[in-house]
C-alpha cells in the first residue's frame, strides 16, 4: 500500500513537472520576443509618432527586444528628442533597444545618429554611415550643447563618447569599420539584406517588420514646414482670387489649404510669433482688395517671409541643461527649392492682386457706364416696331432692344438716332438718309 502511494505521489509530481516545463519555456520565449520596425525616412513628428506607438505596441505584446532598422538623413531636434524619450521609457521598463543601420547604402545622419546612440546596442551593415550631427544653427552654444547631449547618450552604454562627440562638434561621419574600431557602435553585420542582418543579430526568422502607418505618414507630410508654407500661400492666393470672382469652390479650397498649413505648423512646433506674423501677412495681402496699388500685397508677402524664416529659428540654450535633455536647436533649414517656390508665389500674389484689382475696377466702370442712359445719346439703331408720336415702341440700339419714344410717326425698320433720355426710355428721331 505504501509503495502504491509512493508511486502515485511520484506520478503526481511528474505530471506537475511536465505541466510546469511548457509554462517556463513559454515564459522565456515570450520574454525574449522581438518587435521590429523599419524607418526609412526623416526624423519628424510623423516618424516620432510611429516609433512611440510601435514601442507601446511592443510593450503590450510583452516583447523585451525592440529593433529599429534605420535609414535616415535626419530631421528636426524636437522629434528626435521625442524618440529618445520613448526609447528611454522602453529601456526603463526592462526592454533592450537595438538600432540596426541597414541595408548597405543606409545612413544614420544628423538627428538619426542621436536616435541610434540612445540605443542599448548599435549595429551597422557594411556600406553604411553614421554621424554628421552638427545642428544647422551653428552657434557655439548650440554645438557645445548638442555635443554634450550626444556624449551623454553614448556614454550611458559604455561606447566611445569622445568619438561620438566629434560627430557633432566636427560634423564627422564614420563608415561601419571606423565606427566599430572607435567603439561608436557595438558591431558590424555582414549581410546585403535586412532579413540577413536581422538574423545576424539574433532576431528569429519570420519576425514581422512593421512599417509606417497612414496616420504617421500623413503627419510627416503635413509637418514639413516647406510644404505648410506653400499651402498657406496657395490658400491665400485662392481666397484672394475668389474675392474678385466669387466661386465658393476656390474659397473653400483656400480655407482647407490654410487650415492644413496651420495644423502642419503645429506639428512642427513652429513658434506662435512666426504663425502670427504669417497670418498678419495674409491680412495685408487681403487688404490689397481695397487698395489696388500693390503696396499692401508686397508688405504682406514680406511680413509672411519674416514669419516663415522665424520657424527655423530657435531660442538660445539655457545656461544649464538637464542631463539627458536635448538643448533647443534646429537641424532643419529651408531648401533652395522652397525659397524659389515662395518667391514665385509671392510675386504672383503681388502682380496678380494688382491685375485683379484693376480688372475688377475696369469691369465695374464699364458696367456702370453701360447702364448710364446718357451714354446712349448720339447712338443710332433701328426700330423693331412701329413708333407713333408720343407713344412707346422698341428699337435695337447698341445690339440690344430698348424702349423708345419720339415726336414723329416712324415705321418699323426705320433708322433712328438717340437725342435724349427719359428715365429708362430713349427719345429718338428719324435719321435722314
Protein backbone atom coordinates (compact mmCIF):
# COMPACT_ATOMS: atom_id res chain seq x y z
CA UNK A 1 0.00 0.00 0.00
CA UNK A 2 2.85 2.28 0.98
CA UNK A 3 4.61 1.57 -2.34
CA UNK A 4 1.39 2.30 -4.23
CA UNK A 5 1.06 5.67 -2.51
CA UNK A 6 4.70 6.45 -3.23
CA UNK A 7 4.20 5.54 -6.88
CA UNK A 8 1.06 7.72 -7.05
CA UNK A 9 2.91 10.64 -5.45
CA UNK A 10 5.74 10.24 -7.96
CA UNK A 11 3.28 10.31 -10.86
CA UNK A 12 1.65 13.47 -9.46
CA UNK A 13 5.00 15.23 -9.10
CA UNK A 14 5.96 14.15 -12.63
CA UNK A 15 2.68 15.50 -14.02
CA UNK A 16 3.21 18.79 -12.21
CA UNK A 17 6.77 19.00 -13.55
CA UNK A 18 5.63 18.26 -17.11
CA UNK A 19 2.87 20.89 -16.89
CA UNK A 20 5.34 23.44 -15.46
CA UNK A 21 8.04 22.99 -18.12
CA UNK A 22 6.00 24.32 -21.07
CA UNK A 23 4.96 27.29 -18.95
CA UNK A 24 8.60 28.12 -18.22
CA UNK A 25 9.57 27.68 -21.86
CA UNK A 26 6.64 29.82 -22.99
CA UNK A 27 7.53 32.50 -20.47
CA UNK A 28 11.11 32.53 -21.68
CA UNK A 29 10.14 32.69 -25.35
CA UNK A 30 7.61 35.47 -24.83
CA UNK A 31 10.07 37.31 -22.57
CA UNK A 32 12.71 37.28 -25.30
CA UNK A 33 10.28 38.21 -28.09
CA UNK A 34 11.40 40.73 -30.69
CA UNK A 35 9.44 43.62 -32.11
CA UNK A 36 10.95 45.02 -35.31
CA UNK A 37 10.17 48.22 -37.19
CA UNK A 38 11.73 49.77 -40.28
CA UNK A 39 12.21 53.52 -40.54
CA UNK A 40 13.35 54.64 -43.97
CA UNK A 41 12.52 58.34 -43.67
CA UNK A 42 13.41 61.61 -41.99
CA UNK A 43 13.11 62.28 -38.28
CA UNK A 44 9.93 64.31 -37.99
CA UNK A 45 6.69 64.41 -35.96
CA UNK A 46 5.19 61.63 -38.09
CA UNK A 47 8.07 59.19 -37.64
CA UNK A 48 8.30 60.12 -33.95
CA UNK A 49 4.63 59.17 -33.64
CA UNK A 50 5.34 55.90 -35.45
CA UNK A 51 8.23 54.99 -33.12
CA UNK A 52 6.29 55.95 -29.98
CA UNK A 53 3.22 53.94 -31.00
CA UNK A 54 5.38 50.97 -32.00
CA UNK A 55 7.12 50.95 -28.63
CA UNK A 56 3.72 50.96 -26.96
CA UNK A 57 2.66 48.01 -29.12
CA UNK A 58 5.86 46.14 -28.26
CA UNK A 59 5.28 46.64 -24.53
CA UNK A 60 1.67 45.47 -24.87
CA UNK A 61 2.88 42.36 -26.70
CA UNK A 62 5.43 41.63 -23.96
CA UNK A 63 8.41 41.99 -26.32
CA UNK A 64 11.56 42.91 -24.41
CA UNK A 65 13.73 43.36 -27.53
CA UNK A 66 12.91 46.22 -29.86
CA UNK A 67 14.82 46.54 -33.14
CA UNK A 68 14.79 49.75 -35.18
CA UNK A 69 16.03 49.21 -38.74
CA UNK A 70 17.17 52.73 -39.54
CA UNK A 71 17.96 54.65 -42.70
CA UNK A 72 17.56 58.38 -42.11
CA UNK A 73 19.22 61.61 -43.19
CA UNK A 74 17.92 63.27 -40.02
CA UNK A 75 15.29 65.88 -39.28
CA UNK A 76 14.16 68.19 -36.51
CA UNK A 77 15.53 68.10 -32.98
CA UNK A 78 12.18 68.06 -31.16
CA UNK A 79 11.09 64.87 -32.94
CA UNK A 80 14.49 63.35 -32.24
CA UNK A 81 14.16 64.09 -28.53
CA UNK A 82 10.63 62.65 -28.54
CA UNK A 83 12.05 59.43 -29.99
CA UNK A 84 14.88 59.34 -27.45
CA UNK A 85 12.39 59.88 -24.63
CA UNK A 86 10.25 56.97 -25.89
CA UNK A 87 13.35 54.76 -26.18
CA UNK A 88 14.44 55.66 -22.64
CA UNK A 89 10.97 54.80 -21.33
CA UNK A 90 11.15 51.40 -23.01
CA UNK A 91 14.61 50.77 -21.53
CA UNK A 92 13.46 51.87 -18.07
CA UNK A 93 10.79 49.16 -18.27
CA UNK A 94 13.47 46.50 -18.78
CA UNK A 95 13.43 46.40 -22.58
CA UNK A 96 16.51 46.25 -24.78
CA UNK A 97 16.50 48.71 -27.67
CA UNK A 98 18.64 47.90 -30.71
CA UNK A 99 19.32 50.11 -33.72
CA UNK A 100 20.35 48.36 -36.93
CA UNK A 101 21.60 50.63 -39.71
CA UNK A 102 20.87 48.56 -42.80
CA UNK A 103 20.87 47.59 -45.63
CA UNK A 104 24.13 48.72 -47.28
CA UNK A 105 23.82 52.29 -48.52
CA UNK A 106 21.80 53.35 -45.48
CA UNK A 107 22.72 56.22 -43.13
CA UNK A 108 22.03 57.43 -39.62
CA UNK A 109 22.93 61.06 -40.11
CA UNK A 110 22.09 64.26 -38.27
CA UNK A 111 19.34 63.62 -35.70
CA UNK A 112 19.27 59.98 -36.80
CA UNK A 113 22.67 59.45 -35.16
CA UNK A 114 21.33 60.63 -31.79
CA UNK A 115 18.48 58.13 -32.02
CA UNK A 116 20.99 55.38 -32.76
CA UNK A 117 23.28 56.31 -29.86
CA UNK A 118 20.30 56.32 -27.47
CA UNK A 119 20.05 52.54 -28.07
CA UNK A 120 21.44 49.78 -25.87
CA UNK A 121 23.16 48.33 -28.93
CA UNK A 122 24.00 49.79 -32.33
CA UNK A 123 24.84 47.58 -35.32
CA UNK A 124 25.78 48.65 -38.83
CA UNK A 125 25.81 46.76 -42.10
CA UNK A 126 28.92 47.16 -44.23
CA UNK A 127 28.49 50.12 -46.57
CA UNK A 128 26.51 52.24 -44.10
CA UNK A 129 27.37 55.55 -42.40
CA UNK A 130 26.70 57.19 -39.04
CA UNK A 131 27.42 60.79 -37.99
CA UNK A 132 27.34 64.34 -39.36
CA UNK A 133 25.23 65.52 -36.42
CA UNK A 134 26.00 69.26 -36.27
CA UNK A 135 22.91 71.48 -35.89
CA UNK A 136 22.15 73.82 -38.79
CA UNK A 137 22.24 76.80 -36.43
CA UNK A 138 25.99 76.56 -35.82
CA UNK A 139 26.37 78.93 -32.87
CA UNK A 140 28.96 77.74 -30.39
CA UNK A 141 26.28 77.37 -27.70
CA UNK A 142 24.21 75.08 -29.92
CA UNK A 143 27.20 72.96 -30.95
CA UNK A 144 28.50 72.64 -27.39
CA UNK A 145 25.06 71.77 -26.07
CA UNK A 146 24.42 69.04 -28.63
CA UNK A 147 27.95 67.69 -28.28
CA UNK A 148 27.36 67.21 -24.56
CA UNK A 149 23.97 65.64 -25.30
CA UNK A 150 25.47 63.15 -27.78
CA UNK A 151 28.25 62.26 -25.35
CA UNK A 152 25.74 61.70 -22.55
CA UNK A 153 23.72 59.32 -24.74
CA UNK A 154 26.79 57.38 -25.88
CA UNK A 155 28.50 57.09 -22.50
CA UNK A 156 25.30 55.67 -20.99
CA UNK A 157 26.03 52.44 -22.89
CA UNK A 158 29.84 52.41 -22.49
CA UNK A 159 30.56 53.48 -26.06
CA UNK A 160 33.22 55.99 -27.09
CA UNK A 161 31.69 59.35 -26.18
CA UNK A 162 34.75 61.27 -27.40
CA UNK A 163 34.47 59.92 -30.95
CA UNK A 164 30.69 60.34 -30.83
CA UNK A 165 31.11 63.96 -29.76
CA UNK A 166 33.16 64.64 -32.89
CA UNK A 167 30.07 63.74 -34.96
CA UNK A 168 28.57 66.95 -33.57
CA UNK A 169 31.49 69.32 -32.99
CA UNK A 170 33.31 68.48 -36.25
CA UNK A 171 30.44 67.05 -38.30
CA UNK A 172 32.41 63.79 -38.58
CA UNK A 173 30.87 60.73 -40.21
CA UNK A 174 32.05 57.14 -39.79
CA UNK A 175 31.69 54.16 -42.07
CA UNK A 176 30.92 50.87 -40.33
CA UNK A 177 34.53 49.72 -39.92
CA UNK A 178 35.62 53.10 -38.48
CA UNK A 179 32.63 53.25 -36.15
CA UNK A 180 33.39 49.76 -34.81
CA UNK A 181 37.11 50.46 -34.43
CA UNK A 182 36.34 53.61 -32.41
CA UNK A 183 33.59 51.78 -30.48
CA UNK A 184 30.89 54.20 -31.53
CA UNK A 185 28.81 51.10 -32.34
CA UNK A 186 28.66 47.57 -30.98
CA UNK A 187 29.11 45.50 -34.10
CA UNK A 188 29.01 45.01 -37.88
CA UNK A 189 26.69 42.61 -39.71
CA UNK A 190 27.90 41.16 -42.98
CA UNK A 191 24.68 40.96 -44.94
CA UNK A 192 23.35 42.70 -48.02
CA UNK A 193 19.72 42.29 -46.94
CA UNK A 194 17.68 43.47 -43.97
CA UNK A 195 16.47 39.91 -43.33
CA UNK A 196 20.04 38.63 -43.20
CA UNK A 197 21.14 41.49 -40.95
CA UNK A 198 18.27 40.84 -38.54
CA UNK A 199 19.14 37.16 -38.42
CA UNK A 200 22.77 38.04 -37.69
CA UNK A 201 21.82 39.97 -34.54
CA UNK A 202 19.58 37.17 -33.27
CA UNK A 203 16.12 38.12 -34.47
CA UNK A 204 14.15 34.90 -35.09
CA UNK A 205 13.32 34.16 -38.71
CA UNK A 206 9.80 35.11 -39.69
CA UNK A 207 9.57 38.02 -37.21
CA UNK A 208 7.39 40.62 -38.96
CA UNK A 209 8.92 44.01 -39.76
CA UNK A 210 6.45 46.83 -39.14
CA UNK A 211 6.43 49.93 -41.35
CA UNK A 212 4.84 53.36 -41.02
CA UNK A 213 1.08 53.52 -40.99
CA UNK A 214 -1.03 56.01 -42.94
CA UNK A 215 -1.52 58.30 -39.93
CA UNK A 216 2.21 58.68 -39.32
CA UNK A 217 2.89 59.32 -43.00
CA UNK A 218 0.14 61.97 -43.09
CA UNK A 219 1.66 63.70 -40.05
CA UNK A 220 5.08 63.59 -41.70
CA UNK A 221 3.67 65.16 -44.83
CA UNK A 222 1.79 67.94 -43.04
CA UNK A 223 4.60 68.73 -40.60
CA UNK A 224 7.01 69.60 -43.41
CA UNK A 225 7.41 73.38 -42.90
CA UNK A 226 8.27 73.92 -46.58
CA UNK A 227 5.02 72.29 -47.69
CA UNK A 228 2.98 74.03 -44.98
CA UNK A 229 4.28 77.45 -46.06
CA UNK A 230 3.48 76.78 -49.70
CA UNK A 231 -0.01 75.53 -48.73
CA UNK A 232 -0.57 78.70 -46.71
CA UNK A 233 0.35 81.00 -49.61
CA UNK A 234 -1.64 78.95 -52.12
CA UNK A 235 -4.65 79.16 -49.81
CA UNK A 236 -4.28 82.94 -49.51
CA UNK A 237 -3.95 83.28 -53.29
CA UNK A 238 -7.04 81.13 -53.90
CA UNK A 239 -9.19 83.14 -51.48
CA UNK A 240 -7.91 86.43 -52.91
CA UNK A 241 -8.87 85.36 -56.44
CA UNK A 242 -12.28 84.37 -55.13
CA UNK A 243 -12.78 87.81 -53.59
CA UNK A 244 -12.58 89.23 -57.10
CA UNK A 245 -14.56 86.46 -58.80
CA UNK A 246 -16.72 84.66 -56.21
CA UNK A 247 -16.95 80.91 -56.89
CA UNK A 248 -17.20 79.45 -53.34
CA UNK A 249 -15.13 76.47 -54.51
CA UNK A 250 -11.90 78.49 -54.56
CA UNK A 251 -12.62 79.98 -51.14
CA UNK A 252 -13.36 76.54 -49.69
CA UNK A 253 -10.19 75.06 -51.22
CA UNK A 254 -8.14 78.02 -49.97
CA UNK A 255 -9.56 77.70 -46.45
CA UNK A 256 -8.73 73.98 -46.38
CA UNK A 257 -5.17 74.69 -47.57
CA UNK A 258 -4.66 77.30 -44.83
CA UNK A 259 -6.10 75.02 -42.12
CA UNK A 260 -3.83 72.15 -43.22
CA UNK A 261 -0.86 74.55 -43.18
CA UNK A 262 -1.66 75.69 -39.63
CA UNK A 263 -2.01 72.06 -38.50
CA UNK A 264 1.37 71.34 -40.08
CA UNK A 265 2.98 74.31 -38.29
CA UNK A 266 1.54 72.99 -35.05
CA UNK A 267 3.02 69.52 -35.59
CA UNK A 268 6.41 71.03 -36.49
CA UNK A 269 6.37 73.15 -33.35
CA UNK A 270 6.54 76.50 -35.13
CA UNK A 271 6.77 79.45 -32.69
CA UNK A 272 3.48 81.27 -32.15
CA UNK A 273 5.14 84.53 -33.15
CA UNK A 274 6.03 83.05 -36.55
CA UNK A 275 2.49 81.85 -37.21
CA UNK A 276 1.02 85.20 -36.12
CA UNK A 277 3.32 87.07 -38.50
CA UNK A 278 2.23 84.86 -41.38
CA UNK A 279 -1.43 85.47 -40.53
CA UNK A 280 -0.80 89.24 -40.36
CA UNK A 281 0.96 88.98 -43.74
CA UNK A 282 -2.12 87.26 -45.16
CA UNK A 283 -4.33 90.06 -43.77
CA UNK A 284 -2.22 92.67 -45.58
CA UNK A 285 -2.48 90.67 -48.79
CA UNK A 286 -6.27 90.60 -48.50
CA UNK A 287 -6.23 94.35 -47.85
CA UNK A 288 -4.97 94.73 -51.42
CA UNK A 289 -8.58 94.14 -52.49
CA UNK A 290 -9.28 97.69 -51.26
CA UNK A 291 -6.04 99.49 -52.14
CA UNK A 292 -5.08 98.09 -55.53
CA UNK A 293 -1.60 99.64 -55.67
CA UNK A 294 0.44 96.52 -54.83
CA UNK A 295 1.96 98.09 -51.70
CA UNK A 296 -0.28 96.22 -49.27
CA UNK A 297 0.29 92.90 -51.04
CA UNK A 298 4.07 93.45 -51.17
CA UNK A 299 4.12 94.33 -47.46
CA UNK A 300 2.07 91.24 -46.68
CA UNK A 301 4.46 88.99 -48.59
CA UNK A 302 7.45 90.49 -46.73
CA UNK A 303 5.75 90.02 -43.34
CA UNK A 304 4.88 86.44 -44.30
CA UNK A 305 8.51 85.77 -45.31
CA UNK A 306 9.77 87.03 -41.95
CA UNK A 307 7.33 84.73 -40.16
CA UNK A 308 8.41 81.82 -42.35
CA UNK A 309 12.10 82.35 -41.53
CA UNK A 310 11.30 82.56 -37.82
CA UNK A 311 10.00 78.98 -37.98
CA UNK A 312 13.59 77.80 -38.34
CA UNK A 313 15.00 79.95 -35.53
CA UNK A 314 15.38 78.56 -32.04
CA UNK A 315 15.99 80.30 -28.71
CA UNK A 316 19.44 80.32 -27.19
CA UNK A 317 20.15 77.31 -24.95
CA UNK A 318 19.83 77.89 -21.21
CA UNK A 319 22.93 78.24 -19.06
CA UNK A 320 22.43 74.72 -17.74
CA UNK A 321 20.74 71.81 -19.48
CA UNK A 322 19.27 68.91 -17.54
CA UNK A 323 21.12 65.63 -18.09
CA UNK A 324 19.51 63.57 -20.81
CA UNK A 325 17.66 66.56 -22.26
CA UNK A 326 18.46 67.92 -25.70
CA UNK A 327 19.18 71.66 -25.87
CA UNK A 328 16.95 73.86 -28.04
CA UNK A 329 18.31 73.81 -31.56
CA UNK A 330 17.49 73.13 -35.15
CA UNK A 331 18.69 70.66 -37.74
CA UNK A 332 16.24 71.70 -40.47
CA UNK A 333 16.66 74.61 -42.91
CA UNK A 334 14.51 75.76 -45.83
CA UNK A 335 15.74 74.41 -49.14
CA UNK A 336 16.69 76.45 -52.20
CA UNK A 337 13.67 74.95 -53.94
CA UNK A 338 11.40 76.23 -51.19
CA UNK A 339 12.82 79.73 -51.48
CA UNK A 340 12.25 79.64 -55.24
CA UNK A 341 8.64 78.48 -54.86
CA UNK A 342 7.89 81.09 -52.20
CA UNK A 343 9.42 83.87 -54.30
CA UNK A 344 7.34 82.80 -57.29
CA UNK A 345 4.14 82.58 -55.21
CA UNK A 346 4.87 85.90 -53.50
CA UNK A 347 5.48 87.59 -56.84
CA UNK A 348 2.31 86.03 -58.26
CA UNK A 349 0.31 87.37 -55.31
CA UNK A 350 1.65 90.91 -55.74
CA UNK A 351 1.28 91.05 -59.53
CA UNK A 352 -1.96 89.09 -59.52
CA UNK A 353 -3.58 91.25 -56.84
CA UNK A 354 -2.83 94.46 -58.75
CA UNK A 355 -4.03 92.93 -62.01
CA UNK A 356 -7.22 91.58 -60.48
CA UNK A 357 -7.97 94.90 -58.78
CA UNK A 358 -7.54 96.84 -62.00
CA UNK A 359 -9.55 94.30 -63.94
CA UNK A 360 -12.40 94.47 -61.44
CA UNK A 361 -12.28 98.27 -61.41
CA UNK A 362 -12.45 98.32 -65.21
CA UNK A 363 -15.39 95.91 -65.24
CA UNK A 364 -17.26 97.95 -62.67
CA UNK A 365 -16.59 101.10 -64.64
CA UNK A 366 -17.85 99.51 -67.84
CA UNK A 367 -20.84 98.06 -66.04
CA UNK A 368 -21.70 101.41 -64.52
CA UNK A 369 -21.25 103.17 -67.84
CA UNK A 370 -23.32 100.61 -69.67
CA UNK A 371 -26.38 101.38 -67.60
CA UNK A 372 -25.92 105.14 -67.60
CA UNK A 373 -28.63 106.03 -70.14
CA UNK A 374 -26.85 109.28 -71.02
CA UNK A 375 -24.17 107.22 -72.75
CA UNK A 376 -26.69 106.28 -75.48
CA UNK A 377 -27.16 109.89 -76.67
CA UNK A 378 -25.92 110.16 -80.23
CA UNK A 379 -26.03 106.43 -80.94
CA UNK A 380 -28.01 105.06 -83.85
CA UNK A 381 -30.15 101.98 -84.35
CA UNK A 382 -33.39 100.82 -85.99
CA UNK A 383 -36.96 100.43 -84.86
CA UNK A 384 -38.17 96.91 -84.20
CA UNK A 385 -41.82 98.08 -84.00
CA UNK A 386 -43.85 100.98 -85.40
CA UNK A 387 -43.47 104.23 -83.49
CA UNK A 388 -46.43 106.60 -83.06
CA UNK A 389 -45.70 110.17 -81.96
CA UNK A 390 -45.71 110.42 -78.15
CA UNK A 391 -46.14 106.63 -77.75
CA UNK A 392 -43.67 103.88 -76.78
CA UNK A 393 -42.01 101.50 -79.19
CA UNK A 394 -38.85 99.37 -79.29
CA UNK A 395 -35.59 99.88 -81.10
CA UNK A 396 -32.34 97.94 -81.37
CA UNK A 397 -29.53 100.22 -80.27
CA UNK A 398 -26.01 99.08 -79.42
CA UNK A 399 -27.06 95.49 -80.19
CA UNK A 400 -29.83 95.46 -77.59
CA UNK A 401 -33.56 96.26 -77.65
CA UNK A 402 -34.63 99.38 -75.74
CA UNK A 403 -37.89 101.19 -75.09
CA UNK A 404 -38.04 104.37 -77.19
CA UNK A 405 -40.39 107.30 -77.84
CA UNK A 406 -40.42 110.35 -80.10
CA UNK A 407 -42.42 113.16 -81.65
CA UNK A 408 -42.60 111.52 -85.11
CA UNK A 409 -44.50 108.63 -86.61
CA UNK A 410 -41.85 106.17 -87.86
CA UNK A 411 -42.30 102.70 -89.38
CA UNK A 412 -40.70 99.50 -88.18
CA UNK A 413 -37.15 99.21 -89.56
CA UNK A 414 -36.57 102.98 -89.79
CA UNK A 415 -33.14 104.23 -88.76
CA UNK A 416 -33.25 106.32 -85.60
CA UNK A 417 -30.81 108.34 -83.51
CA UNK A 418 -30.97 108.93 -79.75
CA UNK A 419 -31.20 112.64 -78.91
CA UNK A 420 -32.25 112.48 -75.22
CA UNK A 421 -33.26 110.12 -72.41
CA UNK A 422 -36.43 109.88 -70.39
CA UNK A 423 -35.90 107.65 -67.36
CA UNK A 424 -35.12 104.22 -68.80
CA UNK A 425 -36.57 105.14 -72.19
CA UNK A 426 -34.68 106.72 -75.08
CA UNK A 427 -36.06 109.70 -77.07
CA UNK A 428 -35.25 109.17 -80.72
CA UNK A 429 -35.66 110.91 -84.03
CA UNK A 430 -35.56 109.64 -87.57
CA UNK A 431 -32.28 109.63 -89.43
CA UNK A 432 -32.48 111.29 -92.84
CA UNK A 433 -30.76 109.14 -95.42
